[in-house]
Amino acid sequence: MARSADRSKRAARWGNLVVDVLLLIALSVCMVSGLLVSGTVLPTFGLFADGYYFWDPLHAASAKAMLALLVVHLALHARWIANAARRRK
């Protein structure tokens, strides 16, 4: 019985790690594509990013993925958030 509980805890930790890594990747892609799409940031430094037809959809997709992963992340940590809020009162 103890081995089963250890396996489920290990699986939960791995699942949490996977969601966190995917969230980090989505955030990074969203930030970089946002800078490349921006019409003011790069020209300020004398740079120009060609290919808005690529960066705009990538930015939109990564932003949607990031928001979806954020919802999953919050759901995974709902118990911890509730306990922290309860202790705060």
PDB file of N, CA and C in Angstrom:
ATOM      1  N   MET A   1       0.826  -1.199   0.000  1.00  0.00           N
ATOM      2  CA  MET A   1       0.000   0.000   0.000  1.00  0.00           C
ATOM      3  C   MET A   1       0.868   1.261   0.000  1.00  0.00           C
ATOM      4  N   ALA A   2       1.971   1.245   0.747  1.00  0.00           N
ATOM      5  CA  ALA A   2       2.842   2.408   0.830  1.00  0.00           C
ATOM      6  C   ALA A   2       3.521   2.676  -0.506  1.00  0.00           C
ATOM      7  N   ARG A   3       3.870   1.590  -1.226  1.00  0.00           N
ATOM      8  CA  ARG A   3       4.497   1.768  -2.532  1.00  0.00           C
ATOM      9  C   ARG A   3       3.545   2.447  -3.510  1.00  0.00           C
ATOM     10  N   SER A   4       2.287   2.114  -3.422  1.00  0.00           N
ATOM     11  CA  SER A   4       1.288   2.722  -4.296  1.00  0.00           C
ATOM     12  C   SER A   4       1.167   4.223  -4.019  1.00  0.00           C
ATOM     13  N   ALA A   5       1.184   4.595  -2.748  1.00  0.00           N
ATOM     14  CA  ALA A   5       1.105   6.013  -2.389  1.00  0.00           C
ATOM     15  C   ALA A   5       2.356   6.755  -2.846  1.00  0.00           C
ATOM     16  N   ASP A   6       3.521   6.112  -2.710  1.00  0.00           N
ATOM     17  CA  ASP A   6       4.761   6.736  -3.169  1.00  0.00           C
ATOM     18  C   ASP A   6       4.755   6.938  -4.676  1.00  0.00           C
ATOM     19  N   ARG A   7       4.243   5.956  -5.402  1.00  0.00           N
ATOM     20  CA  ARG A   7       4.176   6.067  -6.856  1.00  0.00           C
ATOM     21  C   ARG A   7       3.243   7.202  -7.284  1.00  0.00           C
ATOM     22  N   SER A   8       2.122   7.323  -6.606  1.00  0.00           N
ATOM     23  CA  SER A   8       1.183   8.386  -6.984  1.00  0.00           C
ATOM     24  C   SER A   8       1.758   9.759  -6.651  1.00  0.00           C
ATOM     25  N   LYS A   9       2.488   9.867  -5.527  1.00  0.00           N
ATOM     26  CA  LYS A   9       3.134  11.144  -5.200  1.00  0.00           C
ATOM     27  C   LYS A   9       4.216  11.477  -6.208  1.00  0.00           C
ATOM     28  N   ARG A  10       4.972  10.463  -6.605  1.00  0.00           N
ATOM     29  CA  ARG A  10       6.036  10.667  -7.592  1.00  0.00           C
ATOM     30  C   ARG A  10       5.428  11.085  -8.929  1.00  0.00           C
ATOM     31  N   ALA A  11       4.338  10.453  -9.323  1.00  0.00           N
ATOM     32  CA  ALA A  11       3.667  10.802 -10.580  1.00  0.00           C
ATOM     33  C   ALA A  11       3.113  12.222 -10.522  1.00  0.00           C
ATOM     34  N   ALA A  12       2.578  12.600  -9.366  1.00  0.00           N
ATOM     35  CA  ALA A  12       2.049  13.961  -9.215  1.00  0.00           C
ATOM     36  C   ALA A  12       3.174  14.988  -9.314  1.00  0.00           C
ATOM     37  N   ARG A  13       4.321  14.675  -8.710  1.00  0.00           N
ATOM     38  CA  ARG A  13       5.463  15.593  -8.801  1.00  0.00           C
ATOM     39  C   ARG A  13       5.942  15.737 -10.238  1.00  0.00           C
ATOM     40  N   TRP A  14       6.023  14.611 -10.963  1.00  0.00           N
ATOM     41  CA  TRP A  14       6.442  14.663 -12.360  1.00  0.00           C
ATOM     42  C   TRP A  14       5.435  15.429 -13.202  1.00  0.00           C
ATOM     43  N   GLY A  15       4.156  15.212 -12.961  1.00  0.00           N
ATOM     44  CA  GLY A  15       3.131  15.950 -13.691  1.00  0.00           C
ATOM     45  C   GLY A  15       3.225  17.440 -13.445  1.00  0.00           C
ATOM     46  N   ASN A  16       3.455  17.806 -12.197  1.00  0.00           N
ATOM     47  CA  ASN A  16       3.613  19.214 -11.843  1.00  0.00           C
ATOM     48  C   ASN A  16       4.847  19.803 -12.530  1.00  0.00           C
ATOM     49  N   LEU A  17       5.937  19.039 -12.548  1.00  0.00           N
ATOM     50  CA  LEU A  17       7.157  19.502 -13.198  1.00  0.00           C
ATOM     51  C   LEU A  17       6.931  19.705 -14.696  1.00  0.00           C
ATOM     52  N   VAL A  18       6.239  18.789 -15.332  1.00  0.00           N
ATOM     53  CA  VAL A  18       5.966  18.900 -16.766  1.00  0.00           C
ATOM     54  C   VAL A  18       5.130  20.148 -17.057  1.00  0.00           C
ATOM     55  N   VAL A  19       4.099  20.377 -16.250  1.00  0.00           N
ATOM     56  CA  VAL A  19       3.255  21.567 -16.447  1.00  0.00           C
ATOM     57  C   VAL A  19       4.081  22.836 -16.233  1.00  0.00           C
ATOM     58  N   ASP A  20       4.934  22.851 -15.213  1.00  0.00           N
ATOM     59  CA  ASP A  20       5.764  24.032 -14.947  1.00  0.00           C
ATOM     60  C   ASP A  20       6.752  24.307 -16.081  1.00  0.00           C
ATOM     61  N   VAL A  21       7.373  23.264 -16.611  1.00  0.00           N
ATOM     62  CA  VAL A  21       8.324  23.438 -17.710  1.00  0.00           C
ATOM     63  C   VAL A  21       7.599  23.927 -18.967  1.00  0.00           C
ATOM     64  N   LEU A  22       6.447  23.343 -19.269  1.00  0.00           N
ATOM     65  CA  LEU A  22       5.671  23.795 -20.425  1.00  0.00           C
ATOM     66  C   LEU A  22       5.219  25.242 -20.258  1.00  0.00           C
ATOM     67  N   LEU A  23       4.865  25.622 -19.035  1.00  0.00           N
ATOM     68  CA  LEU A  23       4.466  27.003 -18.753  1.00  0.00           C
ATOM     69  C   LEU A  23       5.647  27.951 -18.958  1.00  0.00           C
ATOM     70  N   LEU A  24       6.829  27.549 -18.535  1.00  0.00           N
ATOM     71  CA  LEU A  24       8.026  28.366 -18.736  1.00  0.00           C
ATOM     72  C   LEU A  24       8.340  28.531 -20.219  1.00  0.00           C
ATOM     73  N   ILE A  25       8.214  27.452 -20.980  1.00  0.00           N
ATOM     74  CA  ILE A  25       8.472  27.523 -22.416  1.00  0.00           C
ATOM     75  C   ILE A  25       7.455  28.434 -23.099  1.00  0.00           C
ATOM     76  N   ALA A  26       6.182  28.291 -22.747  1.00  0.00           N
ATOM     77  CA  ALA A  26       5.139  29.138 -23.347  1.00  0.00           C
ATOM     78  C   ALA A  26       5.364  30.604 -22.996  1.00  0.00           C
ATOM     79  N   LEU A  27       5.755  30.877 -21.762  1.00  0.00           N
ATOM     80  CA  LEU A  27       6.033  32.258 -21.346  1.00  0.00           C
ATOM     81  C   LEU A  27       7.215  32.823 -22.128  1.00  0.00           C
ATOM     82  N   SER A  28       8.264  32.034 -22.282  1.00  0.00           N
ATOM     83  CA  SER A  28       9.449  32.496 -23.017  1.00  0.00           C
ATOM     84  C   SER A  28       9.125  32.783 -24.479  1.00  0.00           C
ATOM     85  N   VAL A  29       8.399  31.881 -25.110  1.00  0.00           N
ATOM     86  CA  VAL A  29       8.024  32.077 -26.520  1.00  0.00           C
ATOM     87  C   VAL A  29       7.126  33.299 -26.655  1.00  0.00           C
ATOM     88  N   CYS A  30       6.216  33.472 -25.712  1.00  0.00           N
ATOM     89  CA  CYS A  30       5.304  34.620 -25.759  1.00  0.00           C
ATOM     90  C   CYS A  30       6.079  35.935 -25.608  1.00  0.00           C
ATOM     91  N   MET A  31       7.054  35.953 -24.708  1.00  0.00           N
ATOM     92  CA  MET A  31       7.840  37.170 -24.511  1.00  0.00           C
ATOM     93  C   MET A  31       8.691  37.497 -25.734  1.00  0.00           C
ATOM     94  N   VAL A  32       9.385  36.511 -26.265  1.00  0.00           N
ATOM     95  CA  VAL A  32      10.254  36.748 -27.426  1.00  0.00           C
ATOM     96  C   VAL A  32       9.431  37.142 -28.650  1.00  0.00           C
ATOM     97  N   SER A  33       8.351  36.420 -28.909  1.00  0.00           N
ATOM     98  CA  SER A  33       7.528  36.770 -30.066  1.00  0.00           C
ATOM     99  C   SER A  33       6.860  38.128 -29.871  1.00  0.00           C
ATOM    100  N   GLY A  34       6.528  38.477 -28.641  1.00  0.00           N
ATOM    101  CA  GLY A  34       5.954  39.796 -28.376  1.00  0.00           C
ATOM    102  C   GLY A  34       6.933  40.914 -28.676  1.00  0.00           C
ATOM    103  N   LEU A  35       8.205  40.685 -28.337  1.00  0.00           N
ATOM    104  CA  LEU A  35       9.226  41.683 -28.673  1.00  0.00           C
ATOM    105  C   LEU A  35       9.414  41.800 -30.183  1.00  0.00           C
ATOM    106  N   LEU A  36       9.370  40.660 -30.872  1.00  0.00           N
ATOM    107  CA  LEU A  36       9.566  40.682 -32.321  1.00  0.00           C
ATOM    108  C   LEU A  36       8.366  41.254 -33.059  1.00  0.00           C
ATOM    109  N   VAL A  37       7.185  41.148 -32.483  1.00  0.00           N
ATOM    110  CA  VAL A  37       5.976  41.702 -33.098  1.00  0.00           C
ATOM    111  C   VAL A  37       5.869  43.199 -32.826  1.00  0.00           C
ATOM    112  N   SER A  38       6.419  43.634 -31.712  1.00  0.00           N
ATOM    113  CA  SER A  38       6.284  45.032 -31.296  1.00  0.00           C
ATOM    114  C   SER A  38       6.809  45.987 -32.362  1.00  0.00           C
ATOM    115  N   GLY A  39       6.060  47.036 -32.555  1.00  0.00           N
ATOM    116  CA  GLY A  39       6.481  48.039 -33.524  1.00  0.00           C
ATOM    117  C   GLY A  39       7.331  49.134 -32.921  1.00  0.00           C
ATOM    118  N   THR A  40       7.573  49.082 -31.614  1.00  0.00           N
ATOM    119  CA  THR A  40       8.348  50.149 -30.979  1.00  0.00           C
ATOM    120  C   THR A  40       9.625  49.654 -30.295  1.00  0.00           C
ATOM    121  N   VAL A  41       9.627  48.443 -29.782  1.00  0.00           N
ATOM    122  CA  VAL A  41      10.781  47.981 -29.008  1.00  0.00           C
ATOM    123  C   VAL A  41      12.012  47.801 -29.890  1.00  0.00           C
ATOM    124  N   LEU A  42      11.892  46.998 -30.934  1.00  0.00           N
ATOM    125  CA  LEU A  42      13.056  46.740 -31.786  1.00  0.00           C
ATOM    126  C   LEU A  42      13.530  47.977 -32.552  1.00  0.00           C
ATOM    127  N   PRO A  43      12.621  48.783 -33.138  1.00  0.00           N
ATOM    128  CA  PRO A  43      13.097  49.983 -33.831  1.00  0.00           C
ATOM    129  C   PRO A  43      13.828  50.963 -32.901  1.00  0.00           C
ATOM    130  N   THR A  44      13.505  50.942 -31.622  1.00  0.00           N
ATOM    131  CA  THR A  44      14.213  51.800 -30.673  1.00  0.00           C
ATOM    132  C   THR A  44      15.700  51.471 -30.653  1.00  0.00           C
ATOM    133  N   PHE A  45      16.018  50.197 -30.833  1.00  0.00           N
ATOM    134  CA  PHE A  45      17.407  49.752 -30.827  1.00  0.00           C
ATOM    135  C   PHE A  45      17.988  49.663 -32.239  1.00  0.00           C
ATOM    136  N   GLY A  46      17.242  50.150 -33.225  1.00  0.00           N
ATOM    137  CA  GLY A  46      17.702  50.127 -34.601  1.00  0.00           C
ATOM    138  C   GLY A  46      17.590  48.759 -35.246  1.00  0.00           C
ATOM    139  N   LEU A  47      16.728  47.903 -34.712  1.00  0.00           N
ATOM    140  CA  LEU A  47      16.567  46.553 -35.241  1.00  0.00           C
ATOM    141  C   LEU A  47      15.203  46.401 -35.903  1.00  0.00           C
ATOM    142  N   PHE A  48      15.095  45.394 -36.757  1.00  0.00           N
ATOM    143  CA  PHE A  48      13.831  45.115 -37.429  1.00  0.00           C
ATOM    144  C   PHE A  48      13.676  43.610 -37.531  1.00  0.00           C
ATOM    145  N   ALA A  49      12.515  43.097 -37.172  1.00  0.00           N
ATOM    146  CA  ALA A  49      12.228  41.657 -37.283  1.00  0.00           C
ATOM    147  C   ALA A  49      11.291  41.438 -38.452  1.00  0.00           C
ATOM    148  N   ASP A  50      11.785  40.732 -39.431  1.00  0.00           N
ATOM    149  CA  ASP A  50      10.968  40.430 -40.596  1.00  0.00           C
ATOM    150  C   ASP A  50      10.108  39.206 -40.305  1.00  0.00           C
ATOM    151  N   GLY A  51       9.002  39.087 -40.972  1.00  0.00           N
ATOM    152  CA  GLY A  51       8.179  37.890 -40.854  1.00  0.00           C
ATOM    153  C   GLY A  51       7.049  38.007 -39.856  1.00  0.00           C
ATOM    154  N   TYR A  52       6.310  39.112 -39.893  1.00  0.00           N
ATOM    155  CA  TYR A  52       5.177  39.261 -38.990  1.00  0.00           C
ATOM    156  C   TYR A  52       4.131  38.178 -39.216  1.00  0.00           C
ATOM    157  N   TYR A  53       4.064  37.636 -40.427  1.00  0.00           N
ATOM    158  CA  TYR A  53       3.125  36.558 -40.716  1.00  0.00           C
ATOM    159  C   TYR A  53       3.433  35.314 -39.889  1.00  0.00           C
ATOM    160  N   PHE A  54       4.677  35.204 -39.395  1.00  0.00           N
ATOM    161  CA  PHE A  54       5.064  34.076 -38.550  1.00  0.00           C
ATOM    162  C   PHE A  54       4.953  34.423 -37.068  1.00  0.00           C
ATOM    163  N   TRP A  55       5.413  35.613 -36.684  1.00  0.00           N
ATOM    164  CA  TRP A  55       5.499  35.971 -35.266  1.00  0.00           C
ATOM    165  C   TRP A  55       4.142  36.269 -34.645  1.00  0.00           C
ATOM    166  N   ASP A  56       3.233  36.888 -35.387  1.00  0.00           N
ATOM    167  CA  ASP A  56       1.896  37.179 -34.850  1.00  0.00           C
ATOM    168  C   ASP A  56       1.134  35.918 -34.450  1.00  0.00           C
ATOM    169  N   PRO A  57       1.004  34.927 -35.350  1.00  0.00           N
ATOM    170  CA  PRO A  57       0.298  33.702 -34.945  1.00  0.00           C
ATOM    171  C   PRO A  57       1.018  32.933 -33.840  1.00  0.00           C
ATOM    172  N   LEU A  58       2.360  32.944 -33.869  1.00  0.00           N
ATOM    173  CA  LEU A  58       3.119  32.269 -32.817  1.00  0.00           C
ATOM    174  C   LEU A  58       2.872  32.936 -31.467  1.00  0.00           C
ATOM    175  N   HIS A  59       2.814  34.257 -31.473  1.00  0.00           N
ATOM    176  CA  HIS A  59       2.555  35.004 -30.237  1.00  0.00           C
ATOM    177  C   HIS A  59       1.152  34.688 -29.703  1.00  0.00           C
ATOM    178  N   ALA A  60       0.177  34.670 -30.583  1.00  0.00           N
ATOM    179  CA  ALA A  60      -1.192  34.377 -30.165  1.00  0.00           C
ATOM    180  C   ALA A  60      -1.315  32.949 -29.639  1.00  0.00           C
ATOM    181  N   ALA A  61      -0.711  31.994 -30.322  1.00  0.00           N
ATOM    182  CA  ALA A  61      -0.788  30.596 -29.891  1.00  0.00           C
ATOM    183  C   ALA A  61      -0.076  30.381 -28.560  1.00  0.00           C
ATOM    184  N   SER A  62       1.089  30.991 -28.398  1.00  0.00           N
ATOM    185  CA  SER A  62       1.816  30.810 -27.140  1.00  0.00           C
ATOM    186  C   SER A  62       1.098  31.489 -25.979  1.00  0.00           C
ATOM    187  N   ALA A  63       0.437  32.605 -26.235  1.00  0.00           N
ATOM    188  CA  ALA A  63      -0.323  33.275 -25.181  1.00  0.00           C
ATOM    189  C   ALA A  63      -1.512  32.417 -24.744  1.00  0.00           C
ATOM    190  N   LYS A  64      -2.190  31.809 -25.713  1.00  0.00           N
ATOM    191  CA  LYS A  64      -3.319  30.929 -25.377  1.00  0.00           C
ATOM    192  C   LYS A  64      -2.843  29.693 -24.629  1.00  0.00           C
ATOM    193  N   ALA A  65      -1.730  29.118 -25.061  1.00  0.00           N
ATOM    194  CA  ALA A  65      -1.171  27.949 -24.373  1.00  0.00           C
ATOM    195  C   ALA A  65      -0.750  28.316 -22.949  1.00  0.00           C
ATOM    196  N   MET A  66      -0.165  29.497 -22.799  1.00  0.00           N
ATOM    197  CA  MET A  66       0.270  29.937 -21.481  1.00  0.00           C
ATOM    198  C   MET A  66      -0.921  30.114 -20.542  1.00  0.00           C
ATOM    199  N   LEU A  67      -1.997  30.699 -21.024  1.00  0.00           N
ATOM    200  CA  LEU A  67      -3.182  30.884 -20.181  1.00  0.00           C
ATOM    201  C   LEU A  67      -3.812  29.545 -19.803  1.00  0.00           C
ATOM    202  N   ALA A  68      -3.865  28.621 -20.760  1.00  0.00           N
ATOM    203  CA  ALA A  68      -4.422  27.292 -20.462  1.00  0.00           C
ATOM    204  C   ALA A  68      -3.556  26.559 -19.436  1.00  0.00           C
ATOM    205  N   LEU A  69      -2.239  26.621 -19.601  1.00  0.00           N
ATOM    206  CA  LEU A  69      -1.335  25.975 -18.650  1.00  0.00           C
ATOM    207  C   LEU A  69      -1.396  26.644 -17.284  1.00  0.00           C
ATOM    208  N   LEU A  70      -1.638  27.937 -17.250  1.00  0.00           N
ATOM    209  CA  LEU A  70      -1.779  28.639 -15.977  1.00  0.00           C
ATOM    210  C   LEU A  70      -3.009  28.155 -15.226  1.00  0.00           C
ATOM    211  N   VAL A  71      -4.097  27.925 -15.936  1.00  0.00           N
ATOM    212  CA  VAL A  71      -5.308  27.378 -15.314  1.00  0.00           C
ATOM    213  C   VAL A  71      -5.028  25.987 -14.756  1.00  0.00           C
ATOM    214  N   VAL A  72      -4.316  25.156 -15.517  1.00  0.00           N
ATOM    215  CA  VAL A  72      -3.963  23.813 -15.044  1.00  0.00           C
ATOM    216  C   VAL A  72      -3.051  23.913 -13.825  1.00  0.00           C
ATOM    217  N   HIS A  73      -2.084  24.815 -13.865  1.00  0.00           N
ATOM    218  CA  HIS A  73      -1.165  25.016 -12.748  1.00  0.00           C
ATOM    219  C   HIS A  73      -1.921  25.419 -11.478  1.00  0.00           C
ATOM    220  N   LEU A  74      -2.848  26.348 -11.613  1.00  0.00           N
ATOM    221  CA  LEU A  74      -3.640  26.770 -10.455  1.00  0.00           C
ATOM    222  C   LEU A  74      -4.521  25.632  -9.944  1.00  0.00           C
ATOM    223  N   ALA A  75      -5.060  24.834 -10.843  1.00  0.00           N
ATOM    224  CA  ALA A  75      -5.879  23.696 -10.423  1.00  0.00           C
ATOM    225  C   ALA A  75      -5.041  22.664  -9.678  1.00  0.00           C
ATOM    226  N   LEU A  76      -3.811  22.456 -10.127  1.00  0.00           N
ATOM    227  CA  LEU A  76      -2.934  21.511  -9.442  1.00  0.00           C
ATOM    228  C   LEU A  76      -2.572  21.979  -8.035  1.00  0.00           C
ATOM    229  N   HIS A  77      -2.529  23.287  -7.846  1.00  0.00           N
ATOM    230  CA  HIS A  77      -2.135  23.850  -6.552  1.00  0.00           C
ATOM    231  C   HIS A  77      -3.324  24.419  -5.773  1.00  0.00           C
ATOM    232  N   ALA A  78      -4.529  24.036  -6.141  1.00  0.00           N
ATOM    233  CA  ALA A  78      -5.726  24.594  -5.505  1.00  0.00           C
ATOM    234  C   ALA A  78      -5.758  24.320  -4.008  1.00  0.00           C
ATOM    235  N   ARG A  79      -5.389  23.118  -3.597  1.00  0.00           N
ATOM    236  CA  ARG A  79      -5.402  22.773  -2.172  1.00  0.00           C
ATOM    237  C   ARG A  79      -4.401  23.634  -1.399  1.00  0.00           C
ATOM    238  N   TRP A  80      -3.209  23.825  -1.970  1.00  0.00           N
ATOM    239  CA  TRP A  80      -2.197  24.634  -1.309  1.00  0.00           C
ATOM    240  C   TRP A  80      -2.667  26.095  -1.206  1.00  0.00           C
ATOM    241  N   ILE A  81      -3.282  26.603  -2.269  1.00  0.00           N
ATOM    242  CA  ILE A  81      -3.777  27.981  -2.268  1.00  0.00           C
ATOM    243  C   ILE A  81      -4.877  28.149  -1.223  1.00  0.00           C
ATOM    244  N   ALA A  82      -5.787  27.182  -1.140  1.00  0.00           N
ATOM    245  CA  ALA A  82      -6.870  27.255  -0.158  1.00  0.00           C
ATOM    246  C   ALA A  82      -6.312  27.213   1.268  1.00  0.00           C
ATOM    247  N   ASN A  83      -5.341  26.333   1.516  1.00  0.00           N
ATOM    248  CA  ASN A  83      -4.739  26.256   2.851  1.00  0.00           C
ATOM    249  C   ASN A  83      -4.001  27.545   3.206  1.00  0.00           C
ATOM    250  N   ALA A  84      -3.302  28.115   2.267  1.00  0.00           N
ATOM    251  CA  ALA A  84      -2.596  29.365   2.515  1.00  0.00           C
ATOM    252  C   ALA A  84      -3.565  30.507   2.795  1.00  0.00           C
ATOM    253  N   ALA A  85      -4.676  30.545   2.072  1.00  0.00           N
ATOM    254  CA  ALA A  85      -5.679  31.577   2.304  1.00  0.00           C
ATOM    255  C   ALA A  85      -6.340  31.399   3.663  1.00  0.00           C
ATOM    256  N   ARG A  86      -6.568  30.149   4.045  1.00  0.00           N
ATOM    257  CA  ARG A  86      -7.176  29.866   5.352  1.00  0.00           C
ATOM    258  C   ARG A  86      -6.236  30.296   6.488  1.00  0.00           C
ATOM    259  N   ARG A  87      -4.955  30.016   6.339  1.00  0.00           N
ATOM    260  CA  ARG A  87      -3.980  30.396   7.364  1.00  0.00           C
ATOM    261  C   ARG A  87      -3.811  31.907   7.448  1.00  0.00           C
ATOM    262  N   ARG A  88      -4.017  32.595   6.359  1.00  0.00           N
ATOM    263  CA  ARG A  88      -3.833  34.045   6.301  1.00  0.00           C
ATOM    264  C   ARG A  88      -4.882  34.791   7.111  1.00  0.00           C
ATOM    265  N   LYS A  89      -6.059  34.191   7.261  1.00  0.00           N
ATOM    266  CA  LYS A  89      -7.163  34.875   7.959  1.00  0.00           C
ATOM    267  C   LYS A  89      -6.896  35.037   9.422  1.00  0.00           C
TER     268      LYS A  89
END
